[in-house]
Amino acid sequence: MNPTYALHETLEAHEIAAFKTVCMTKSKTMQALVSDRELLQILQDDVVLSTRQLQELSEQLSKAMI
């Protein structure tokens, strides 16, 4: 059975997705400017993790019924 979310919950999930997308875009963009290997690895890890989290959030939102 698909979960049912209240409208405010769905909107909050969309806000989280939008914010996470902006953060991921910044991490991707900053990679070109970073010379420190450790910081570069942190940014790369963040992009991988953010991508996975956005995919999971997208799957949950697509299953949800309002």
PDB file of N, CA and C in Angstrom:
ATOM      1  N   MET A   1       0.838  -1.182   0.000  1.00  0.00           N
ATOM      2  CA  MET A   1       0.000   0.000   0.000  1.00  0.00           C
ATOM      3  C   MET A   1       0.883   1.245   0.000  1.00  0.00           C
ATOM      4  N   ASN A   2       0.533   2.206  -0.824  1.00  0.00           N
ATOM      5  CA  ASN A   2       1.285   3.447  -0.897  1.00  0.00           C
ATOM      6  C   ASN A   2       0.984   4.342   0.290  1.00  0.00           C
ATOM      7  N   PRO A   3       2.005   5.026   0.788  1.00  0.00           N
ATOM      8  CA  PRO A   3       1.764   5.930   1.920  1.00  0.00           C
ATOM      9  C   PRO A   3       0.933   7.130   1.488  1.00  0.00           C
ATOM     10  N   THR A   4       0.203   7.667   2.427  1.00  0.00           N
ATOM     11  CA  THR A   4      -0.576   8.877   2.185  1.00  0.00           C
ATOM     12  C   THR A   4       0.015   9.979   3.056  1.00  0.00           C
ATOM     13  N   TYR A   5       0.374  11.065   2.402  1.00  0.00           N
ATOM     14  CA  TYR A   5       0.971  12.186   3.119  1.00  0.00           C
ATOM     15  C   TYR A   5       0.029  13.382   3.070  1.00  0.00           C
ATOM     16  N   ALA A   6       0.051  14.159   4.139  1.00  0.00           N
ATOM     17  CA  ALA A   6      -0.697  15.411   4.138  1.00  0.00           C
ATOM     18  C   ALA A   6      -0.002  16.380   3.186  1.00  0.00           C
ATOM     19  N   LEU A   7      -0.746  17.355   2.732  1.00  0.00           N
ATOM     20  CA  LEU A   7      -0.207  18.305   1.770  1.00  0.00           C
ATOM     21  C   LEU A   7       1.033  19.010   2.307  1.00  0.00           C
ATOM     22  N   HIS A   8       1.015  19.411   3.581  1.00  0.00           N
ATOM     23  CA  HIS A   8       2.170  20.122   4.137  1.00  0.00           C
ATOM     24  C   HIS A   8       3.400  19.217   4.187  1.00  0.00           C
ATOM     25  N   GLU A   9       3.202  17.921   4.374  1.00  0.00           N
ATOM     26  CA  GLU A   9       4.334  16.990   4.382  1.00  0.00           C
ATOM     27  C   GLU A   9       4.942  16.868   2.982  1.00  0.00           C
ATOM     28  N   THR A  10       4.088  16.805   1.999  1.00  0.00           N
ATOM     29  CA  THR A  10       4.564  16.728   0.616  1.00  0.00           C
ATOM     30  C   THR A  10       5.320  17.994   0.236  1.00  0.00           C
ATOM     31  N   LEU A  11       4.782  19.139   0.620  1.00  0.00           N
ATOM     32  CA  LEU A  11       5.453  20.402   0.313  1.00  0.00           C
ATOM     33  C   LEU A  11       6.801  20.498   1.020  1.00  0.00           C
ATOM     34  N   GLU A  12       6.866  20.047   2.263  1.00  0.00           N
ATOM     35  CA  GLU A  12       8.134  20.066   2.990  1.00  0.00           C
ATOM     36  C   GLU A  12       9.155  19.144   2.331  1.00  0.00           C
ATOM     37  N   ALA A  13       8.706  18.001   1.853  1.00  0.00           N
ATOM     38  CA  ALA A  13       9.611  17.087   1.156  1.00  0.00           C
ATOM     39  C   ALA A  13      10.150  17.724  -0.123  1.00  0.00           C
ATOM     40  N   HIS A  14       9.294  18.455  -0.824  1.00  0.00           N
ATOM     41  CA  HIS A  14       9.745  19.164  -2.029  1.00  0.00           C
ATOM     42  C   HIS A  14      10.745  20.264  -1.675  1.00  0.00           C
ATOM     43  N   GLU A  15      10.518  20.954  -0.575  1.00  0.00           N
ATOM     44  CA  GLU A  15      11.466  21.983  -0.125  1.00  0.00           C
ATOM     45  C   GLU A  15      12.817  21.367   0.221  1.00  0.00           C
ATOM     46  N   ILE A  16      12.800  20.214   0.877  1.00  0.00           N
ATOM     47  CA  ILE A  16      14.043  19.519   1.217  1.00  0.00           C
ATOM     48  C   ILE A  16      14.773  19.118  -0.062  1.00  0.00           C
ATOM     49  N   ALA A  17      14.033  18.610  -1.033  1.00  0.00           N
ATOM     50  CA  ALA A  17      14.644  18.206  -2.302  1.00  0.00           C
ATOM     51  C   ALA A  17      15.261  19.402  -3.016  1.00  0.00           C
ATOM     52  N   ALA A  18      14.577  20.525  -3.004  1.00  0.00           N
ATOM     53  CA  ALA A  18      15.109  21.723  -3.658  1.00  0.00           C
ATOM     54  C   ALA A  18      16.385  22.197  -2.964  1.00  0.00           C
ATOM     55  N   PHE A  19      16.368  22.220  -1.645  1.00  0.00           N
ATOM     56  CA  PHE A  19      17.546  22.650  -0.888  1.00  0.00           C
ATOM     57  C   PHE A  19      18.710  21.693  -1.122  1.00  0.00           C
ATOM     58  N   LYS A  20      18.440  20.399  -1.103  1.00  0.00           N
ATOM     59  CA  LYS A  20      19.487  19.390  -1.300  1.00  0.00           C
ATOM     60  C   LYS A  20      20.069  19.500  -2.700  1.00  0.00           C
ATOM     61  N   THR A  21      19.240  19.821  -3.677  1.00  0.00           N
ATOM     62  CA  THR A  21      19.718  20.000  -5.048  1.00  0.00           C
ATOM     63  C   THR A  21      20.663  21.189  -5.152  1.00  0.00           C
ATOM     64  N   VAL A  22      20.321  22.283  -4.488  1.00  0.00           N
ATOM     65  CA  VAL A  22      21.195  23.462  -4.483  1.00  0.00           C
ATOM     66  C   VAL A  22      22.532  23.136  -3.819  1.00  0.00           C
ATOM     67  N   CYS A  23      22.488  22.424  -2.707  1.00  0.00           N
ATOM     68  CA  CYS A  23      23.721  22.043  -2.007  1.00  0.00           C
ATOM     69  C   CYS A  23      24.590  21.145  -2.881  1.00  0.00           C
ATOM     70  N   MET A  24      23.974  20.200  -3.569  1.00  0.00           N
ATOM     71  CA  MET A  24      24.722  19.296  -4.430  1.00  0.00           C
ATOM     72  C   MET A  24      25.333  20.055  -5.601  1.00  0.00           C
ATOM     73  N   THR A  25      24.593  20.982  -6.172  1.00  0.00           N
ATOM     74  CA  THR A  25      25.115  21.789  -7.273  1.00  0.00           C
ATOM     75  C   THR A  25      26.327  22.595  -6.816  1.00  0.00           C
ATOM     76  N   LYS A  26      26.256  23.146  -5.621  1.00  0.00           N
ATOM     77  CA  LYS A  26      27.383  23.903  -5.085  1.00  0.00           C
ATOM     78  C   LYS A  26      28.595  23.002  -4.879  1.00  0.00           C
ATOM     79  N   SER A  27      28.390  21.808  -4.353  1.00  0.00           N
ATOM     80  CA  SER A  27      29.496  20.877  -4.149  1.00  0.00           C
ATOM     81  C   SER A  27      30.143  20.499  -5.484  1.00  0.00           C
ATOM     82  N   LYS A  28      29.322  20.257  -6.499  1.00  0.00           N
ATOM     83  CA  LYS A  28      29.854  19.916  -7.818  1.00  0.00           C
ATOM     84  C   LYS A  28      30.647  21.081  -8.403  1.00  0.00           C
ATOM     85  N   THR A  29      30.114  22.284  -8.269  1.00  0.00           N
ATOM     86  CA  THR A  29      30.766  23.466  -8.819  1.00  0.00           C
ATOM     87  C   THR A  29      32.082  23.771  -8.107  1.00  0.00           C
ATOM     88  N   MET A  30      32.091  23.636  -6.800  1.00  0.00           N
ATOM     89  CA  MET A  30      33.282  23.954  -6.018  1.00  0.00           C
ATOM     90  C   MET A  30      34.434  22.978  -6.265  1.00  0.00           C
ATOM     91  N   GLN A  31      34.135  21.786  -6.743  1.00  0.00           N
ATOM     92  CA  GLN A  31      35.181  20.803  -7.003  1.00  0.00           C
ATOM     93  C   GLN A  31      36.233  21.337  -7.979  1.00  0.00           C
ATOM     94  N   ALA A  32      35.798  22.134  -8.937  1.00  0.00           N
ATOM     95  CA  ALA A  32      36.721  22.682  -9.928  1.00  0.00           C
ATOM     96  C   ALA A  32      37.661  23.723  -9.318  1.00  0.00           C
ATOM     97  N   LEU A  33      37.297  24.289  -8.194  1.00  0.00           N
ATOM     98  CA  LEU A  33      38.080  25.360  -7.583  1.00  0.00           C
ATOM     99  C   LEU A  33      38.965  24.904  -6.427  1.00  0.00           C
ATOM    100  N   VAL A  34      38.801  23.658  -5.993  1.00  0.00           N
ATOM    101  CA  VAL A  34      39.478  23.163  -4.801  1.00  0.00           C
ATOM    102  C   VAL A  34      40.789  22.488  -5.182  1.00  0.00           C
ATOM    103  N   SER A  35      41.840  22.826  -4.440  1.00  0.00           N
ATOM    104  CA  SER A  35      43.130  22.175  -4.689  1.00  0.00           C
ATOM    105  C   SER A  35      43.481  21.169  -3.589  1.00  0.00           C
ATOM    106  N   ASP A  36      42.870  21.291  -2.433  1.00  0.00           N
ATOM    107  CA  ASP A  36      43.133  20.383  -1.323  1.00  0.00           C
ATOM    108  C   ASP A  36      42.460  19.035  -1.582  1.00  0.00           C
ATOM    109  N   ARG A  37      43.247  17.964  -1.539  1.00  0.00           N
ATOM    110  CA  ARG A  37      42.717  16.625  -1.855  1.00  0.00           C
ATOM    111  C   ARG A  37      41.647  16.174  -0.865  1.00  0.00           C
ATOM    112  N   GLU A  38      41.850  16.465   0.396  1.00  0.00           N
ATOM    113  CA  GLU A  38      40.884  16.036   1.414  1.00  0.00           C
ATOM    114  C   GLU A  38      39.542  16.745   1.231  1.00  0.00           C
ATOM    115  N   LEU A  39      39.601  18.045   0.978  1.00  0.00           N
ATOM    116  CA  LEU A  39      38.370  18.798   0.746  1.00  0.00           C
ATOM    117  C   LEU A  39      37.687  18.340  -0.539  1.00  0.00           C
ATOM    118  N   LEU A  40      38.474  18.054  -1.562  1.00  0.00           N
ATOM    119  CA  LEU A  40      37.909  17.548  -2.812  1.00  0.00           C
ATOM    120  C   LEU A  40      37.182  16.225  -2.579  1.00  0.00           C
ATOM    121  N   GLN A  41      37.768  15.353  -1.782  1.00  0.00           N
ATOM    122  CA  GLN A  41      37.133  14.074  -1.486  1.00  0.00           C
ATOM    123  C   GLN A  41      35.834  14.267  -0.715  1.00  0.00           C
ATOM    124  N   ILE A  42      35.817  15.210   0.214  1.00  0.00           N
ATOM    125  CA  ILE A  42      34.592  15.514   0.964  1.00  0.00           C
ATOM    126  C   ILE A  42      33.501  15.996   0.012  1.00  0.00           C
ATOM    127  N   LEU A  43      33.850  16.859  -0.919  1.00  0.00           N
ATOM    128  CA  LEU A  43      32.873  17.366  -1.884  1.00  0.00           C
ATOM    129  C   LEU A  43      32.365  16.250  -2.790  1.00  0.00           C
ATOM    130  N   GLN A  44      33.263  15.387  -3.229  1.00  0.00           N
ATOM    131  CA  GLN A  44      32.856  14.265  -4.082  1.00  0.00           C
ATOM    132  C   GLN A  44      31.935  13.306  -3.330  1.00  0.00           C
ATOM    133  N   ASP A  45      32.275  13.028  -2.081  1.00  0.00           N
ATOM    134  CA  ASP A  45      31.425  12.162  -1.256  1.00  0.00           C
ATOM    135  C   ASP A  45      30.046  12.779  -1.057  1.00  0.00           C
ATOM    136  N   ASP A  46      30.018  14.094  -0.875  1.00  0.00           N
ATOM    137  CA  ASP A  46      28.747  14.790  -0.688  1.00  0.00           C
ATOM    138  C   ASP A  46      27.876  14.670  -1.929  1.00  0.00           C
ATOM    139  N   VAL A  47      28.476  14.777  -3.097  1.00  0.00           N
ATOM    140  CA  VAL A  47      27.715  14.660  -4.343  1.00  0.00           C
ATOM    141  C   VAL A  47      27.123  13.253  -4.478  1.00  0.00           C
ATOM    142  N   VAL A  48      27.931  12.254  -4.185  1.00  0.00           N
ATOM    143  CA  VAL A  48      27.445  10.867  -4.275  1.00  0.00           C
ATOM    144  C   VAL A  48      26.301  10.630  -3.292  1.00  0.00           C
ATOM    145  N   LEU A  49      26.495  11.049  -2.053  1.00  0.00           N
ATOM    146  CA  LEU A  49      25.471  10.871  -1.025  1.00  0.00           C
ATOM    147  C   LEU A  49      24.206  11.662  -1.363  1.00  0.00           C
ATOM    148  N   SER A  50      24.367  12.892  -1.784  1.00  0.00           N
ATOM    149  CA  SER A  50      23.210  13.732  -2.126  1.00  0.00           C
ATOM    150  C   SER A  50      22.428  13.140  -3.287  1.00  0.00           C
ATOM    151  N   THR A  51      23.137  12.611  -4.269  1.00  0.00           N
ATOM    152  CA  THR A  51      22.469  11.987  -5.411  1.00  0.00           C
ATOM    153  C   THR A  51      21.614  10.817  -4.953  1.00  0.00           C
ATOM    154  N   ARG A  52      22.167   9.985  -4.093  1.00  0.00           N
ATOM    155  CA  ARG A  52      21.430   8.829  -3.580  1.00  0.00           C
ATOM    156  C   ARG A  52      20.220   9.284  -2.745  1.00  0.00           C
ATOM    157  N   GLN A  53      20.423  10.283  -1.905  1.00  0.00           N
ATOM    158  CA  GLN A  53      19.323  10.773  -1.074  1.00  0.00           C
ATOM    159  C   GLN A  53      18.205  11.391  -1.913  1.00  0.00           C
ATOM    160  N   LEU A  54      18.578  12.140  -2.940  1.00  0.00           N
ATOM    161  CA  LEU A  54      17.555  12.736  -3.809  1.00  0.00           C
ATOM    162  C   LEU A  54      16.789  11.660  -4.576  1.00  0.00           C
ATOM    163  N   GLN A  55      17.484  10.614  -4.975  1.00  0.00           N
ATOM    164  CA  GLN A  55      16.807   9.514  -5.660  1.00  0.00           C
ATOM    165  C   GLN A  55      15.804   8.832  -4.722  1.00  0.00           C
ATOM    166  N   GLU A  56      16.220   8.586  -3.488  1.00  0.00           N
ATOM    167  CA  GLU A  56      15.327   7.957  -2.510  1.00  0.00           C
ATOM    168  C   GLU A  56      14.121   8.851  -2.206  1.00  0.00           C
ATOM    169  N   LEU A  57      14.367  10.128  -2.062  1.00  0.00           N
ATOM    170  CA  LEU A  57      13.276  11.065  -1.801  1.00  0.00           C
ATOM    171  C   LEU A  57      12.312  11.112  -2.979  1.00  0.00           C
ATOM    172  N   SER A  58      12.862  11.109  -4.175  1.00  0.00           N
ATOM    173  CA  SER A  58      12.033  11.107  -5.371  1.00  0.00           C
ATOM    174  C   SER A  58      11.168   9.859  -5.451  1.00  0.00           C
ATOM    175  N   GLU A  59      11.749   8.715  -5.116  1.00  0.00           N
ATOM    176  CA  GLU A  59      10.976   7.469  -5.118  1.00  0.00           C
ATOM    177  C   GLU A  59       9.834   7.523  -4.110  1.00  0.00           C
ATOM    178  N   GLN A  60      10.118   8.042  -2.931  1.00  0.00           N
ATOM    179  CA  GLN A  60       9.064   8.135  -1.913  1.00  0.00           C
ATOM    180  C   GLN A  60       7.952   9.099  -2.335  1.00  0.00           C
ATOM    181  N   LEU A  61       8.332  10.216  -2.929  1.00  0.00           N
ATOM    182  CA  LEU A  61       7.324  11.177  -3.363  1.00  0.00           C
ATOM    183  C   LEU A  61       6.487  10.625  -4.507  1.00  0.00           C
ATOM    184  N   SER A  62       7.106   9.840  -5.381  1.00  0.00           N
ATOM    185  CA  SER A  62       6.339   9.285  -6.500  1.00  0.00           C
ATOM    186  C   SER A  62       5.360   8.215  -6.033  1.00  0.00           C
ATOM    187  N   LYS A  63       5.661   7.545  -4.914  1.00  0.00           N
ATOM    188  CA  LYS A  63       4.758   6.534  -4.357  1.00  0.00           C
ATOM    189  C   LYS A  63       3.624   7.159  -3.544  1.00  0.00           C
ATOM    190  N   ALA A  64       3.855   8.354  -3.055  1.00  0.00           N
ATOM    191  CA  ALA A  64       2.901   8.987  -2.130  1.00  0.00           C
ATOM    192  C   ALA A  64       1.629   9.409  -2.843  1.00  0.00           C
ATOM    193  N   MET A  65       0.561   9.272  -2.136  1.00  0.00           N
ATOM    194  CA  MET A  65      -0.733   9.752  -2.625  1.00  0.00           C
ATOM    195  C   MET A  65      -1.150  10.915  -1.738  1.00  0.00           C
ATOM    196  N   ILE A  66      -1.584  11.967  -2.359  1.00  0.00           N
ATOM    197  CA  ILE A  66      -2.026  13.142  -1.579  1.00  0.00           C
ATOM    198  C   ILE A  66      -3.476  12.978  -1.199  1.00  0.00           C
TER     199      ILE A  66
END
